Each structure stands twice: as C-alpha cells, then as structure tokens.
Amino acid sequence: MFRRGGRRTEKKAPGERLVTLIRKPGCHLCDDAQVVIEKVCGDLGVPWEYKDITQDEELHREYWEQIPVVLVDGAQHTFWRVNEERLRKALTQ
C-alpha cells in the first residue's frame, strides 16, 4: 500500500487497470491518442477500451469539449493530447 493525496491506496497490477479512450469518429486527435494508448497499454499489459461519444448522451454532455478524453480506472487522466510518458507513469505507480 502507498499514500496518495493523504489516502491509502493499493497499487494495482497492470492487468487490474483499465484505460478508456472517449472519442468520436473522424477525430484526428482521437486517432493520435489511440496510437499512444495502444503502445503504452501494449507495452505494460494494461487492458484498454474506447467509447464513442456520439453513441452515449451522458459522455457527450460531460466530455464533448474535451475529446479525446482518457480515463484511467474511471478517473479522468487527460484530454486533447496524450503524453506517453505521463500515461506510462500513471499506470506504473
């Protein structure tokens, strides 16, 4: 266990993590984000998924102005551009 922001949390194994890419069709930034996610998650053995913002009204309301959005274990990690080193660090700490 380790402390993060004053809370005790258990470090998760890579296979227990989940990265979610919220994207829309025809979005070049989304395509770029997916390339980074595929690389990092592939290297680390972390599962990932994508959700189409045009198919989910709640996601559309919440994230429309920020896509692509990356969630790590359901919490927002970043939006617009995905930094490979930052994502890798988030998934290994």
N, C-alpha and C. Protein backbone atom coordinates (compact mmCIF):
# COMPACT_ATOMS: atom_id res chain seq x y z
N MET A 1 0.84 -1.19 0.00
CA MET A 1 0.00 0.00 0.00
C MET A 1 0.88 1.25 0.00
N PHE A 2 0.33 2.32 -0.53
CA PHE A 2 1.05 3.58 -0.50
C PHE A 2 0.05 4.72 -0.33
N ARG A 3 0.58 5.88 0.00
CA ARG A 3 -0.28 7.04 0.22
C ARG A 3 -0.30 7.91 -1.02
N ARG A 4 -1.47 8.38 -1.37
CA ARG A 4 -1.62 9.31 -2.48
C ARG A 4 -2.63 10.34 -2.01
N GLY A 5 -2.21 11.58 -1.92
CA GLY A 5 -3.11 12.64 -1.51
C GLY A 5 -3.71 12.41 -0.13
N GLY A 6 -2.92 11.77 0.76
CA GLY A 6 -3.40 11.55 2.11
C GLY A 6 -4.25 10.29 2.26
N ARG A 7 -4.50 9.59 1.16
CA ARG A 7 -5.29 8.36 1.23
C ARG A 7 -4.38 7.17 1.06
N ARG A 8 -4.74 6.08 1.70
CA ARG A 8 -4.01 4.83 1.49
C ARG A 8 -4.67 4.11 0.34
N THR A 9 -3.86 3.75 -0.64
CA THR A 9 -4.38 3.02 -1.78
C THR A 9 -3.48 1.84 -2.07
N GLU A 10 -4.05 0.80 -2.64
CA GLU A 10 -3.27 -0.36 -3.03
C GLU A 10 -2.81 -0.18 -4.46
N LYS A 11 -1.57 -0.51 -4.70
CA LYS A 11 -1.05 -0.45 -6.06
C LYS A 11 -1.66 -1.61 -6.84
N LYS A 12 -2.22 -1.29 -8.00
CA LYS A 12 -2.85 -2.31 -8.84
C LYS A 12 -1.83 -2.87 -9.82
N ALA A 13 -1.98 -4.16 -10.11
CA ALA A 13 -1.17 -4.80 -11.14
C ALA A 13 -1.65 -4.30 -12.50
N PRO A 14 -0.79 -4.30 -13.52
CA PRO A 14 -1.20 -3.80 -14.84
C PRO A 14 -2.50 -4.41 -15.36
N GLY A 15 -2.68 -5.70 -15.18
CA GLY A 15 -3.89 -6.36 -15.67
C GLY A 15 -5.16 -5.96 -14.94
N GLU A 16 -5.00 -5.30 -13.79
CA GLU A 16 -6.15 -4.84 -13.00
C GLU A 16 -6.53 -3.40 -13.33
N ARG A 17 -5.74 -2.74 -14.16
CA ARG A 17 -6.01 -1.36 -14.56
C ARG A 17 -6.91 -1.37 -15.78
N LEU A 18 -7.51 -0.24 -16.09
CA LEU A 18 -8.28 -0.10 -17.32
C LEU A 18 -8.16 1.33 -17.83
N VAL A 19 -7.75 1.45 -19.08
CA VAL A 19 -7.68 2.75 -19.74
C VAL A 19 -8.86 2.84 -20.70
N THR A 20 -9.57 3.96 -20.63
CA THR A 20 -10.71 4.19 -21.51
C THR A 20 -10.45 5.43 -22.33
N LEU A 21 -10.58 5.30 -23.64
CA LEU A 21 -10.46 6.44 -24.55
C LEU A 21 -11.86 6.83 -24.98
N ILE A 22 -12.24 8.05 -24.70
CA ILE A 22 -13.52 8.58 -25.15
C ILE A 22 -13.24 9.40 -26.40
N ARG A 23 -13.84 8.97 -27.51
CA ARG A 23 -13.50 9.54 -28.81
C ARG A 23 -14.73 9.66 -29.69
N LYS A 24 -14.52 10.22 -30.87
CA LYS A 24 -15.59 10.27 -31.87
C LYS A 24 -14.99 9.94 -33.23
N PRO A 25 -15.81 9.45 -34.13
CA PRO A 25 -15.33 9.11 -35.47
C PRO A 25 -14.82 10.36 -36.20
N GLY A 26 -13.75 10.18 -36.98
CA GLY A 26 -13.22 11.27 -37.79
C GLY A 26 -12.39 12.30 -37.04
N CYS A 27 -12.04 12.02 -35.82
CA CYS A 27 -11.28 12.95 -34.97
C CYS A 27 -9.79 12.59 -35.05
N HIS A 28 -8.97 13.46 -35.67
CA HIS A 28 -7.55 13.14 -35.80
C HIS A 28 -6.83 13.12 -34.46
N LEU A 29 -7.23 13.97 -33.51
CA LEU A 29 -6.62 13.93 -32.19
C LEU A 29 -6.95 12.62 -31.48
N CYS A 30 -8.16 12.11 -31.74
CA CYS A 30 -8.56 10.82 -31.16
C CYS A 30 -7.71 9.69 -31.73
N ASP A 31 -7.45 9.75 -33.04
CA ASP A 31 -6.59 8.75 -33.67
C ASP A 31 -5.19 8.79 -33.08
N ASP A 32 -4.66 10.00 -32.89
CA ASP A 32 -3.33 10.16 -32.29
C ASP A 32 -3.30 9.60 -30.87
N ALA A 33 -4.34 9.89 -30.10
CA ALA A 33 -4.43 9.40 -28.72
C ALA A 33 -4.47 7.88 -28.69
N GLN A 34 -5.21 7.30 -29.61
CA GLN A 34 -5.33 5.85 -29.65
C GLN A 34 -3.99 5.18 -29.94
N VAL A 35 -3.19 5.78 -30.80
CA VAL A 35 -1.86 5.23 -31.09
C VAL A 35 -1.01 5.17 -29.82
N VAL A 36 -1.03 6.24 -29.04
CA VAL A 36 -0.26 6.29 -27.79
C VAL A 36 -0.80 5.26 -26.80
N ILE A 37 -2.11 5.19 -26.66
CA ILE A 37 -2.72 4.25 -25.72
C ILE A 37 -2.40 2.81 -26.11
N GLU A 38 -2.52 2.50 -27.38
CA GLU A 38 -2.20 1.14 -27.85
C GLU A 38 -0.76 0.78 -27.52
N LYS A 39 0.16 1.71 -27.72
CA LYS A 39 1.58 1.45 -27.45
C LYS A 39 1.83 1.24 -25.97
N VAL A 40 1.39 2.19 -25.15
CA VAL A 40 1.66 2.12 -23.71
C VAL A 40 0.97 0.91 -23.09
N CYS A 41 -0.30 0.73 -23.39
CA CYS A 41 -1.04 -0.40 -22.80
C CYS A 41 -0.49 -1.73 -23.30
N GLY A 42 -0.09 -1.78 -24.57
CA GLY A 42 0.52 -2.99 -25.10
C GLY A 42 1.83 -3.32 -24.41
N ASP A 43 2.66 -2.30 -24.20
CA ASP A 43 3.94 -2.50 -23.51
C ASP A 43 3.75 -2.99 -22.08
N LEU A 44 2.73 -2.46 -21.40
CA LEU A 44 2.54 -2.75 -19.98
C LEU A 44 1.56 -3.88 -19.70
N GLY A 45 0.85 -4.34 -20.71
CA GLY A 45 -0.15 -5.39 -20.50
C GLY A 45 -1.40 -4.87 -19.81
N VAL A 46 -1.73 -3.61 -20.06
CA VAL A 46 -2.91 -2.99 -19.46
C VAL A 46 -4.05 -3.04 -20.47
N PRO A 47 -5.22 -3.54 -20.06
CA PRO A 47 -6.35 -3.53 -20.99
C PRO A 47 -6.86 -2.11 -21.23
N TRP A 48 -7.41 -1.91 -22.43
CA TRP A 48 -7.98 -0.60 -22.74
C TRP A 48 -9.21 -0.81 -23.61
N GLU A 49 -10.03 0.24 -23.63
CA GLU A 49 -11.26 0.22 -24.41
C GLU A 49 -11.49 1.61 -24.97
N TYR A 50 -12.40 1.71 -25.93
CA TYR A 50 -12.79 3.04 -26.35
C TYR A 50 -14.31 3.13 -26.33
N LYS A 51 -14.78 4.34 -26.13
CA LYS A 51 -16.21 4.62 -26.14
C LYS A 51 -16.45 5.77 -27.11
N ASP A 52 -17.47 5.61 -27.93
CA ASP A 52 -17.83 6.60 -28.94
C ASP A 52 -18.75 7.63 -28.31
N ILE A 53 -18.29 8.86 -28.23
CA ILE A 53 -19.05 9.92 -27.58
C ILE A 53 -20.37 10.22 -28.31
N THR A 54 -20.43 9.88 -29.60
CA THR A 54 -21.66 10.13 -30.35
C THR A 54 -22.73 9.09 -30.06
N GLN A 55 -22.37 8.03 -29.34
CA GLN A 55 -23.31 6.95 -29.02
C GLN A 55 -23.75 6.95 -27.57
N ASP A 56 -23.27 7.92 -26.79
CA ASP A 56 -23.57 7.94 -25.36
C ASP A 56 -23.86 9.38 -24.92
N GLU A 57 -25.12 9.65 -24.64
CA GLU A 57 -25.54 11.02 -24.31
C GLU A 57 -24.85 11.57 -23.07
N GLU A 58 -24.66 10.74 -22.06
CA GLU A 58 -24.01 11.19 -20.83
C GLU A 58 -22.55 11.57 -21.09
N LEU A 59 -21.83 10.73 -21.82
CA LEU A 59 -20.44 11.06 -22.16
C LEU A 59 -20.38 12.31 -23.02
N HIS A 60 -21.32 12.44 -23.93
CA HIS A 60 -21.39 13.62 -24.80
C HIS A 60 -21.54 14.89 -23.97
N ARG A 61 -22.46 14.88 -23.03
CA ARG A 61 -22.68 16.05 -22.15
C ARG A 61 -21.43 16.38 -21.34
N GLU A 62 -20.80 15.36 -20.81
CA GLU A 62 -19.69 15.60 -19.89
C GLU A 62 -18.38 15.97 -20.59
N TYR A 63 -18.12 15.37 -21.75
CA TYR A 63 -16.78 15.49 -22.33
C TYR A 63 -16.72 16.12 -23.72
N TRP A 64 -17.82 16.55 -24.29
CA TRP A 64 -17.83 16.99 -25.69
C TRP A 64 -16.72 17.98 -26.03
N GLU A 65 -16.48 18.94 -25.19
CA GLU A 65 -15.49 19.98 -25.50
C GLU A 65 -14.06 19.56 -25.19
N GLN A 66 -13.87 18.35 -24.68
CA GLN A 66 -12.53 17.93 -24.28
C GLN A 66 -11.98 16.76 -25.10
N ILE A 67 -12.75 16.16 -26.00
CA ILE A 67 -12.30 14.93 -26.64
C ILE A 67 -11.05 15.14 -27.48
N PRO A 68 -10.20 14.14 -27.53
CA PRO A 68 -10.31 12.86 -26.85
C PRO A 68 -10.02 12.99 -25.36
N VAL A 69 -10.69 12.17 -24.59
CA VAL A 69 -10.50 12.13 -23.14
C VAL A 69 -10.00 10.74 -22.78
N VAL A 70 -9.03 10.68 -21.88
CA VAL A 70 -8.50 9.41 -21.42
C VAL A 70 -8.82 9.26 -19.94
N LEU A 71 -9.44 8.13 -19.61
CA LEU A 71 -9.72 7.78 -18.22
C LEU A 71 -8.79 6.65 -17.82
N VAL A 72 -8.31 6.69 -16.60
CA VAL A 72 -7.55 5.58 -16.03
C VAL A 72 -8.33 5.11 -14.82
N ASP A 73 -8.78 3.87 -14.89
CA ASP A 73 -9.60 3.29 -13.83
C ASP A 73 -10.83 4.16 -13.54
N GLY A 74 -11.41 4.73 -14.58
CA GLY A 74 -12.63 5.51 -14.45
C GLY A 74 -12.45 6.97 -14.09
N ALA A 75 -11.23 7.38 -13.77
CA ALA A 75 -10.96 8.78 -13.41
C ALA A 75 -10.27 9.48 -14.58
N GLN A 76 -10.64 10.73 -14.83
CA GLN A 76 -10.05 11.45 -15.95
C GLN A 76 -8.55 11.63 -15.75
N HIS A 77 -7.79 11.21 -16.75
CA HIS A 77 -6.34 11.32 -16.73
C HIS A 77 -5.89 12.54 -17.54
N THR A 78 -6.45 12.70 -18.73
CA THR A 78 -6.06 13.81 -19.60
C THR A 78 -7.11 14.02 -20.68
N PHE A 79 -6.93 15.07 -21.46
CA PHE A 79 -7.78 15.30 -22.62
C PHE A 79 -6.96 16.01 -23.69
N TRP A 80 -7.49 16.02 -24.91
CA TRP A 80 -6.89 16.58 -26.12
C TRP A 80 -5.65 15.84 -26.58
N ARG A 81 -4.57 15.92 -25.85
CA ARG A 81 -3.33 15.25 -26.25
C ARG A 81 -2.88 14.31 -25.14
N VAL A 82 -2.41 13.14 -25.55
CA VAL A 82 -1.97 12.13 -24.59
C VAL A 82 -0.44 12.10 -24.60
N ASN A 83 0.15 12.31 -23.43
CA ASN A 83 1.59 12.26 -23.28
C ASN A 83 1.97 10.83 -22.88
N GLU A 84 2.78 10.19 -23.73
CA GLU A 84 3.15 8.79 -23.49
C GLU A 84 3.81 8.59 -22.13
N GLU A 85 4.76 9.42 -21.78
CA GLU A 85 5.47 9.26 -20.50
C GLU A 85 4.53 9.44 -19.32
N ARG A 86 3.64 10.42 -19.39
CA ARG A 86 2.71 10.67 -18.30
C ARG A 86 1.74 9.51 -18.12
N LEU A 87 1.23 8.96 -19.22
CA LEU A 87 0.33 7.82 -19.14
C LEU A 87 1.05 6.61 -18.59
N ARG A 88 2.26 6.35 -19.06
CA ARG A 88 3.04 5.22 -18.58
C ARG A 88 3.27 5.33 -17.07
N LYS A 89 3.61 6.54 -16.62
CA LYS A 89 3.86 6.77 -15.18
C LYS A 89 2.57 6.53 -14.37
N ALA A 90 1.44 7.01 -14.88
CA ALA A 90 0.17 6.82 -14.17
C ALA A 90 -0.18 5.35 -14.03
N LEU A 91 0.20 4.55 -15.00
CA LEU A 91 -0.15 3.14 -14.98
C LEU A 91 0.84 2.26 -14.21
N THR A 92 2.00 2.82 -13.88
CA THR A 92 3.02 2.01 -13.17
C THR A 92 3.23 2.45 -11.73
N GLN A 93 2.57 3.50 -11.32
CA GLN A 93 2.75 3.95 -9.92
C GLN A 93 1.62 3.48 -9.05
